[in-house]
Amino acid sequence: MRFFLIVALFVVFAFVSAHENPCQQPITVGPCKALIKRWAFDQKTKKCSEFGYGGCQGNENNFKTLDECKKTCETK
């Protein structure tokens, strides 16, 4: 029981930490097929890059403009 509680707390902490900083979230296209031009912070290159967002089930690492992405992620 104690192990389950520790694992549950770790999962909640990881989710809250990622939720607070969209720049640490993965680039997520999502399952839909809209291919909307968006920008996201790429952890590997440490820069904002353009990607085709499907239109649903993305995350917060999804910016409408390059400037918004840079202001949020490249200055940290």
PDB file of N, CA and C in Angstrom:
ATOM      1  N   MET A   1       0.824  -1.190   0.000  1.00  0.00           N
ATOM      2  CA  MET A   1       0.000   0.000   0.000  1.00  0.00           C
ATOM      3  C   MET A   1       0.873   1.260   0.000  1.00  0.00           C
ATOM      4  N   ARG A   2       1.915   1.231   0.797  1.00  0.00           N
ATOM      5  CA  ARG A   2       2.808   2.385   0.882  1.00  0.00           C
ATOM      6  C   ARG A   2       3.486   2.639  -0.467  1.00  0.00           C
ATOM      7  N   PHE A   3       3.888   1.555  -1.141  1.00  0.00           N
ATOM      8  CA  PHE A   3       4.521   1.679  -2.456  1.00  0.00           C
ATOM      9  C   PHE A   3       3.575   2.356  -3.445  1.00  0.00           C
ATOM     10  N   PHE A   4       2.304   1.934  -3.456  1.00  0.00           N
ATOM     11  CA  PHE A   4       1.312   2.532  -4.354  1.00  0.00           C
ATOM     12  C   PHE A   4       1.167   4.027  -4.073  1.00  0.00           C
ATOM     13  N   LEU A   5       1.139   4.402  -2.818  1.00  0.00           N
ATOM     14  CA  LEU A   5       1.010   5.813  -2.444  1.00  0.00           C
ATOM     15  C   LEU A   5       2.213   6.617  -2.929  1.00  0.00           C
ATOM     16  N   ILE A   6       3.403   6.077  -2.782  1.00  0.00           N
ATOM     17  CA  ILE A   6       4.616   6.766  -3.232  1.00  0.00           C
ATOM     18  C   ILE A   6       4.601   6.932  -4.746  1.00  0.00           C
ATOM     19  N   VAL A   7       4.228   5.882  -5.460  1.00  0.00           N
ATOM     20  CA  VAL A   7       4.155   5.959  -6.922  1.00  0.00           C
ATOM     21  C   VAL A   7       3.105   6.980  -7.347  1.00  0.00           C
ATOM     22  N   ALA A   8       1.950   6.972  -6.703  1.00  0.00           N
ATOM     23  CA  ALA A   8       0.884   7.925  -7.035  1.00  0.00           C
ATOM     24  C   ALA A   8       1.343   9.358  -6.795  1.00  0.00           C
ATOM     25  N   LEU A   9       2.015   9.610  -5.702  1.00  0.00           N
ATOM     26  CA  LEU A   9       2.523  10.955  -5.416  1.00  0.00           C
ATOM     27  C   LEU A   9       3.563  11.379  -6.444  1.00  0.00           C
ATOM     28  N   PHE A  10       4.417  10.468  -6.855  1.00  0.00           N
ATOM     29  CA  PHE A  10       5.418  10.775  -7.871  1.00  0.00           C
ATOM     30  C   PHE A  10       4.753  11.148  -9.190  1.00  0.00           C
ATOM     31  N   VAL A  11       3.736  10.396  -9.586  1.00  0.00           N
ATOM     32  CA  VAL A  11       3.023  10.673 -10.837  1.00  0.00           C
ATOM     33  C   VAL A  11       2.351  12.041 -10.773  1.00  0.00           C
ATOM     34  N   VAL A  12       1.706  12.345  -9.666  1.00  0.00           N
ATOM     35  CA  VAL A  12       1.055  13.652  -9.506  1.00  0.00           C
ATOM     36  C   VAL A  12       2.093  14.761  -9.556  1.00  0.00           C
ATOM     37  N   PHE A  13       3.207  14.599  -8.875  1.00  0.00           N
ATOM     38  CA  PHE A  13       4.261  15.616  -8.879  1.00  0.00           C
ATOM     39  C   PHE A  13       4.809  15.823 -10.287  1.00  0.00           C
ATOM     40  N   ALA A  14       5.039  14.746 -11.015  1.00  0.00           N
ATOM     41  CA  ALA A  14       5.560  14.855 -12.382  1.00  0.00           C
ATOM     42  C   ALA A  14       4.564  15.570 -13.281  1.00  0.00           C
ATOM     43  N   PHE A  15       3.284  15.265 -13.133  1.00  0.00           N
ATOM     44  CA  PHE A  15       2.254  15.913 -13.947  1.00  0.00           C
ATOM     45  C   PHE A  15       2.182  17.399 -13.632  1.00  0.00           C
ATOM     46  N   VAL A  16       2.196  17.762 -12.363  1.00  0.00           N
ATOM     47  CA  VAL A  16       2.114  19.168 -11.972  1.00  0.00           C
ATOM     48  C   VAL A  16       3.349  19.919 -12.448  1.00  0.00           C
ATOM     49  N   SER A  17       4.516  19.327 -12.336  1.00  0.00           N
ATOM     50  CA  SER A  17       5.743  19.984 -12.784  1.00  0.00           C
ATOM     51  C   SER A  17       5.714  20.239 -14.281  1.00  0.00           C
ATOM     52  N   ALA A  18       5.304  19.266 -15.046  1.00  0.00           N
ATOM     53  CA  ALA A  18       5.230  19.431 -16.496  1.00  0.00           C
ATOM     54  C   ALA A  18       4.144  20.420 -16.871  1.00  0.00           C
ATOM     55  N   HIS A  19       3.051  20.417 -16.120  1.00  0.00           N
ATOM     56  CA  HIS A  19       1.942  21.325 -16.406  1.00  0.00           C
ATOM     57  C   HIS A  19       2.366  22.776 -16.176  1.00  0.00           C
ATOM     58  N   GLU A  20       3.223  23.021 -15.218  1.00  0.00           N
ATOM     59  CA  GLU A  20       3.656  24.378 -14.911  1.00  0.00           C
ATOM     60  C   GLU A  20       4.594  24.933 -15.979  1.00  0.00           C
ATOM     61  N   ASN A  21       5.344  24.094 -16.652  1.00  0.00           N
ATOM     62  CA  ASN A  21       6.300  24.562 -17.640  1.00  0.00           C
ATOM     63  C   ASN A  21       6.047  23.882 -18.983  1.00  0.00           C
ATOM     64  N   PRO A  22       5.322  24.552 -19.872  1.00  0.00           N
ATOM     65  CA  PRO A  22       5.020  23.937 -21.166  1.00  0.00           C
ATOM     66  C   PRO A  22       6.266  23.650 -21.995  1.00  0.00           C
ATOM     67  N   CYS A  23       7.351  24.344 -21.724  1.00  0.00           N
ATOM     68  CA  CYS A  23       8.581  24.175 -22.499  1.00  0.00           C
ATOM     69  C   CYS A  23       9.226  22.811 -22.268  1.00  0.00           C
ATOM     70  N   GLN A  24       8.879  22.143 -21.185  1.00  0.00           N
ATOM     71  CA  GLN A  24       9.437  20.828 -20.889  1.00  0.00           C
ATOM     72  C   GLN A  24       8.558  19.699 -21.410  1.00  0.00           C
ATOM     73  N   GLN A  25       7.403  20.033 -21.961  1.00  0.00           N
ATOM     74  CA  GLN A  25       6.500  19.019 -22.496  1.00  0.00           C
ATOM     75  C   GLN A  25       6.942  18.631 -23.906  1.00  0.00           C
ATOM     76  N   PRO A  26       6.641  17.410 -24.327  1.00  0.00           N
ATOM     77  CA  PRO A  26       7.016  16.986 -25.682  1.00  0.00           C
ATOM     78  C   PRO A  26       6.191  17.707 -26.743  1.00  0.00           C
ATOM     79  N   ILE A  27       6.713  17.772 -27.944  1.00  0.00           N
ATOM     80  CA  ILE A  27       5.942  18.317 -29.066  1.00  0.00           C
ATOM     81  C   ILE A  27       4.904  17.260 -29.436  1.00  0.00           C
ATOM     82  N   THR A  28       3.634  17.640 -29.345  1.00  0.00           N
ATOM     83  CA  THR A  28       2.545  16.692 -29.553  1.00  0.00           C
ATOM     84  C   THR A  28       1.658  17.132 -30.710  1.00  0.00           C
ATOM     85  N   VAL A  29       1.674  16.381 -31.793  1.00  0.00           N
ATOM     86  CA  VAL A  29       0.853  16.673 -32.969  1.00  0.00           C
ATOM     87  C   VAL A  29      -0.608  16.354 -32.681  1.00  0.00           C
ATOM     88  N   GLY A  30      -0.877  15.266 -31.988  1.00  0.00           N
ATOM     89  CA  GLY A  30      -2.237  14.820 -31.708  1.00  0.00           C
ATOM     90  C   GLY A  30      -2.773  13.948 -32.835  1.00  0.00           C
ATOM     91  N   PRO A  31      -3.888  13.248 -32.586  1.00  0.00           N
ATOM     92  CA  PRO A  31      -4.410  12.289 -33.557  1.00  0.00           C
ATOM     93  C   PRO A  31      -5.245  12.891 -34.691  1.00  0.00           C
ATOM     94  N   CYS A  32      -5.679  14.125 -34.552  1.00  0.00           N
ATOM     95  CA  CYS A  32      -6.521  14.725 -35.596  1.00  0.00           C
ATOM     96  C   CYS A  32      -5.668  15.138 -36.800  1.00  0.00           C
ATOM     97  N   LYS A  33      -6.306  15.480 -37.894  1.00  0.00           N
ATOM     98  CA  LYS A  33      -5.609  15.669 -39.172  1.00  0.00           C
ATOM     99  C   LYS A  33      -5.633  17.098 -39.715  1.00  0.00           C
ATOM    100  N   ALA A  34      -5.835  18.100 -38.876  1.00  0.00           N
ATOM    101  CA  ALA A  34      -5.979  19.473 -39.364  1.00  0.00           C
ATOM    102  C   ALA A  34      -4.676  20.078 -39.906  1.00  0.00           C
ATOM    103  N   LEU A  35      -3.540  19.727 -39.347  1.00  0.00           N
ATOM    104  CA  LEU A  35      -2.229  20.283 -39.722  1.00  0.00           C
ATOM    105  C   LEU A  35      -2.200  21.809 -39.671  1.00  0.00           C
ATOM    106  N   ILE A  36      -2.461  22.330 -38.492  1.00  0.00           N
ATOM    107  CA  ILE A  36      -2.431  23.766 -38.231  1.00  0.00           C
ATOM    108  C   ILE A  36      -0.985  24.164 -37.934  1.00  0.00           C
ATOM    109  N   LYS A  37      -0.507  25.235 -38.543  1.00  0.00           N
ATOM    110  CA  LYS A  37       0.864  25.708 -38.307  1.00  0.00           C
ATOM    111  C   LYS A  37       0.971  26.224 -36.873  1.00  0.00           C
ATOM    112  N   ARG A  38       1.851  25.601 -36.097  1.00  0.00           N
ATOM    113  CA  ARG A  38       2.100  26.003 -34.717  1.00  0.00           C
ATOM    114  C   ARG A  38       3.595  25.931 -34.429  1.00  0.00           C
ATOM    115  N   TRP A  39       3.951  26.448 -33.267  1.00  0.00           N
ATOM    116  CA  TRP A  39       5.341  26.471 -32.824  1.00  0.00           C
ATOM    117  C   TRP A  39       5.445  25.788 -31.470  1.00  0.00           C
ATOM    118  N   ALA A  40       6.548  25.086 -31.245  1.00  0.00           N
ATOM    119  CA  ALA A  40       6.781  24.404 -29.979  1.00  0.00           C
ATOM    120  C   ALA A  40       8.264  24.460 -29.646  1.00  0.00           C
ATOM    121  N   PHE A  41       8.573  24.367 -28.365  1.00  0.00           N
ATOM    122  CA  PHE A  41       9.965  24.363 -27.928  1.00  0.00           C
ATOM    123  C   PHE A  41      10.509  22.944 -28.017  1.00  0.00           C
ATOM    124  N   ASP A  42      11.608  22.790 -28.723  1.00  0.00           N
ATOM    125  CA  ASP A  42      12.263  21.495 -28.908  1.00  0.00           C
ATOM    126  C   ASP A  42      13.360  21.349 -27.858  1.00  0.00           C
ATOM    127  N   GLN A  43      13.212  20.398 -26.956  1.00  0.00           N
ATOM    128  CA  GLN A  43      14.189  20.191 -25.882  1.00  0.00           C
ATOM    129  C   GLN A  43      15.574  19.818 -26.414  1.00  0.00           C
ATOM    130  N   LYS A  44      15.637  19.136 -27.546  1.00  0.00           N
ATOM    131  CA  LYS A  44      16.934  18.707 -28.088  1.00  0.00           C
ATOM    132  C   LYS A  44      17.747  19.877 -28.622  1.00  0.00           C
ATOM    133  N   THR A  45      17.101  20.769 -29.372  1.00  0.00           N
ATOM    134  CA  THR A  45      17.818  21.894 -29.982  1.00  0.00           C
ATOM    135  C   THR A  45      17.798  23.144 -29.108  1.00  0.00           C
ATOM    136  N   LYS A  46      16.937  23.140 -28.093  1.00  0.00           N
ATOM    137  CA  LYS A  46      16.751  24.293 -27.195  1.00  0.00           C
ATOM    138  C   LYS A  46      16.265  25.523 -27.956  1.00  0.00           C
ATOM    139  N   LYS A  47      15.478  25.276 -29.010  1.00  0.00           N
ATOM    140  CA  LYS A  47      14.917  26.363 -29.823  1.00  0.00           C
ATOM    141  C   LYS A  47      13.471  26.036 -30.164  1.00  0.00           C
ATOM    142  N   CYS A  48      12.745  27.065 -30.536  1.00  0.00           N
ATOM    143  CA  CYS A  48      11.376  26.884 -30.992  1.00  0.00           C
ATOM    144  C   CYS A  48      11.392  26.413 -32.442  1.00  0.00           C
ATOM    145  N   SER A  49      10.518  25.472 -32.745  1.00  0.00           N
ATOM    146  CA  SER A  49      10.443  24.973 -34.116  1.00  0.00           C
ATOM    147  C   SER A  49       8.984  24.845 -34.547  1.00  0.00           C
ATOM    148  N   GLU A  50       8.784  24.960 -35.841  1.00  0.00           N
ATOM    149  CA  GLU A  50       7.445  24.864 -36.412  1.00  0.00           C
ATOM    150  C   GLU A  50       7.035  23.394 -36.528  1.00  0.00           C
ATOM    151  N   PHE A  51       5.752  23.129 -36.301  1.00  0.00           N
ATOM    152  CA  PHE A  51       5.231  21.779 -36.510  1.00  0.00           C
ATOM    153  C   PHE A  51       3.776  21.861 -36.934  1.00  0.00           C
ATOM    154  N   GLY A  52       3.266  20.788 -37.478  1.00  0.00           N
ATOM    155  CA  GLY A  52       1.874  20.729 -37.914  1.00  0.00           C
ATOM    156  C   GLY A  52       1.008  20.118 -36.832  1.00  0.00           C
ATOM    157  N   TYR A  53       0.239  20.940 -36.135  1.00  0.00           N
ATOM    158  CA  TYR A  53      -0.650  20.482 -35.065  1.00  0.00           C
ATOM    159  C   TYR A  53      -1.922  19.910 -35.674  1.00  0.00           C
ATOM    160  N   GLY A  54      -2.307  18.740 -35.256  1.00  0.00           N
ATOM    161  CA  GLY A  54      -3.482  18.072 -35.795  1.00  0.00           C
ATOM    162  C   GLY A  54      -4.807  18.718 -35.427  1.00  0.00           C
ATOM    163  N   GLY A  55      -4.832  19.501 -34.348  1.00  0.00           N
ATOM    164  CA  GLY A  55      -6.053  20.204 -33.969  1.00  0.00           C
ATOM    165  C   GLY A  55      -6.736  19.686 -32.717  1.00  0.00           C
ATOM    166  N   CYS A  56      -6.263  18.565 -32.154  1.00  0.00           N
ATOM    167  CA  CYS A  56      -6.878  18.055 -30.926  1.00  0.00           C
ATOM    168  C   CYS A  56      -5.858  17.264 -30.107  1.00  0.00           C
ATOM    169  N   GLN A  57      -6.139  17.172 -28.820  1.00  0.00           N
ATOM    170  CA  GLN A  57      -5.352  16.393 -27.862  1.00  0.00           C
ATOM    171  C   GLN A  57      -3.872  16.757 -27.843  1.00  0.00           C
ATOM    172  N   GLY A  58      -3.574  18.032 -27.924  1.00  0.00           N
ATOM    173  CA  GLY A  58      -2.199  18.483 -27.801  1.00  0.00           C
ATOM    174  C   GLY A  58      -1.870  18.758 -26.343  1.00  0.00           C
ATOM    175  N   ASN A  59      -0.834  19.538 -26.117  1.00  0.00           N
ATOM    176  CA  ASN A  59      -0.489  19.955 -24.765  1.00  0.00           C
ATOM    177  C   ASN A  59      -0.157  21.447 -24.788  1.00  0.00           C
ATOM    178  N   GLU A  60       0.414  21.958 -23.709  1.00  0.00           N
ATOM    179  CA  GLU A  60       0.677  23.394 -23.614  1.00  0.00           C
ATOM    180  C   GLU A  60       1.921  23.838 -24.372  1.00  0.00           C
ATOM    181  N   ASN A  61       2.724  22.903 -24.850  1.00  0.00           N
ATOM    182  CA  ASN A  61       3.882  23.248 -25.677  1.00  0.00           C
ATOM    183  C   ASN A  61       3.388  23.391 -27.115  1.00  0.00           C
ATOM    184  N   ASN A  62       2.555  24.405 -27.319  1.00  0.00           N
ATOM    185  CA  ASN A  62       1.855  24.608 -28.585  1.00  0.00           C
ATOM    186  C   ASN A  62       1.518  26.094 -28.670  1.00  0.00           C
ATOM    187  N   PHE A  63       2.287  26.830 -29.451  1.00  0.00           N
ATOM    188  CA  PHE A  63       2.151  28.283 -29.517  1.00  0.00           C
ATOM    189  C   PHE A  63       1.713  28.716 -30.905  1.00  0.00           C
ATOM    190  N   LYS A  64       0.869  29.736 -30.964  1.00  0.00           N
ATOM    191  CA  LYS A  64       0.357  30.217 -32.249  1.00  0.00           C
ATOM    192  C   LYS A  64       1.411  30.965 -33.052  1.00  0.00           C
ATOM    193  N   THR A  65       2.379  31.577 -32.370  1.00  0.00           N
ATOM    194  CA  THR A  65       3.407  32.342 -33.076  1.00  0.00           C
ATOM    195  C   THR A  65       4.802  31.963 -32.580  1.00  0.00           C
ATOM    196  N   LEU A  66       5.786  32.186 -33.434  1.00  0.00           N
ATOM    197  CA  LEU A  66       7.179  31.966 -33.058  1.00  0.00           C
ATOM    198  C   LEU A  66       7.563  32.890 -31.912  1.00  0.00           C
ATOM    199  N   ASP A  67       7.101  34.128 -31.966  1.00  0.00           N
ATOM    200  CA  ASP A  67       7.425  35.100 -30.925  1.00  0.00           C
ATOM    201  C   ASP A  67       6.908  34.651 -29.557  1.00  0.00           C
ATOM    202  N   GLU A  68       5.693  34.137 -29.520  1.00  0.00           N
ATOM    203  CA  GLU A  68       5.114  33.655 -28.260  1.00  0.00           C
ATOM    204  C   GLU A  68       5.936  32.495 -27.698  1.00  0.00           C
ATOM    205  N   CYS A  69       6.359  31.586 -28.565  1.00  0.00           N
ATOM    206  CA  CYS A  69       7.180  30.452 -28.143  1.00  0.00           C
ATOM    207  C   CYS A  69       8.521  30.929 -27.590  1.00  0.00           C
ATOM    208  N   LYS A  70       9.159  31.846 -28.316  1.00  0.00           N
ATOM    209  CA  LYS A  70      10.461  32.360 -27.870  1.00  0.00           C
ATOM    210  C   LYS A  70      10.352  33.083 -26.535  1.00  0.00           C
ATOM    211  N   LYS A  71       9.337  33.916 -26.383  1.00  0.00           N
ATOM    212  CA  LYS A  71       9.162  34.662 -25.131  1.00  0.00           C
ATOM    213  C   LYS A  71       8.917  33.729 -23.953  1.00  0.00           C
ATOM    214  N   THR A  72       8.219  32.638 -24.195  1.00  0.00           N
ATOM    215  CA  THR A  72       7.891  31.706 -23.124  1.00  0.00           C
ATOM    216  C   THR A  72       9.038  30.761 -22.799  1.00  0.00           C
ATOM    217  N   CYS A  73       9.750  30.290 -23.815  1.00  0.00           N
ATOM    218  CA  CYS A  73      10.689  29.185 -23.604  1.00  0.00           C
ATOM    219  C   CYS A  73      12.167  29.506 -23.803  1.00  0.00           C
ATOM    220  N   GLU A  74      12.513  30.322 -24.766  1.00  0.00           N
ATOM    221  CA  GLU A  74      13.933  30.529 -25.059  1.00  0.00           C
ATOM    222  C   GLU A  74      14.608  31.483 -24.089  1.00  0.00           C
ATOM    223  N   THR A  75      13.849  32.184 -23.291  1.00  0.00           N
ATOM    224  CA  THR A  75      14.446  33.121 -22.336  1.00  0.00           C
ATOM    225  C   THR A  75      14.686  32.479 -20.983  1.00  0.00           C
ATOM    226  N   LYS A  76      14.279  31.216 -20.810  1.00  0.00           N
ATOM    227  CA  LYS A  76      14.412  30.550 -19.505  1.00  0.00           C
ATOM    228  C   LYS A  76      15.704  29.795 -19.404  1.00  0.00           C
TER     229      LYS A  76
END
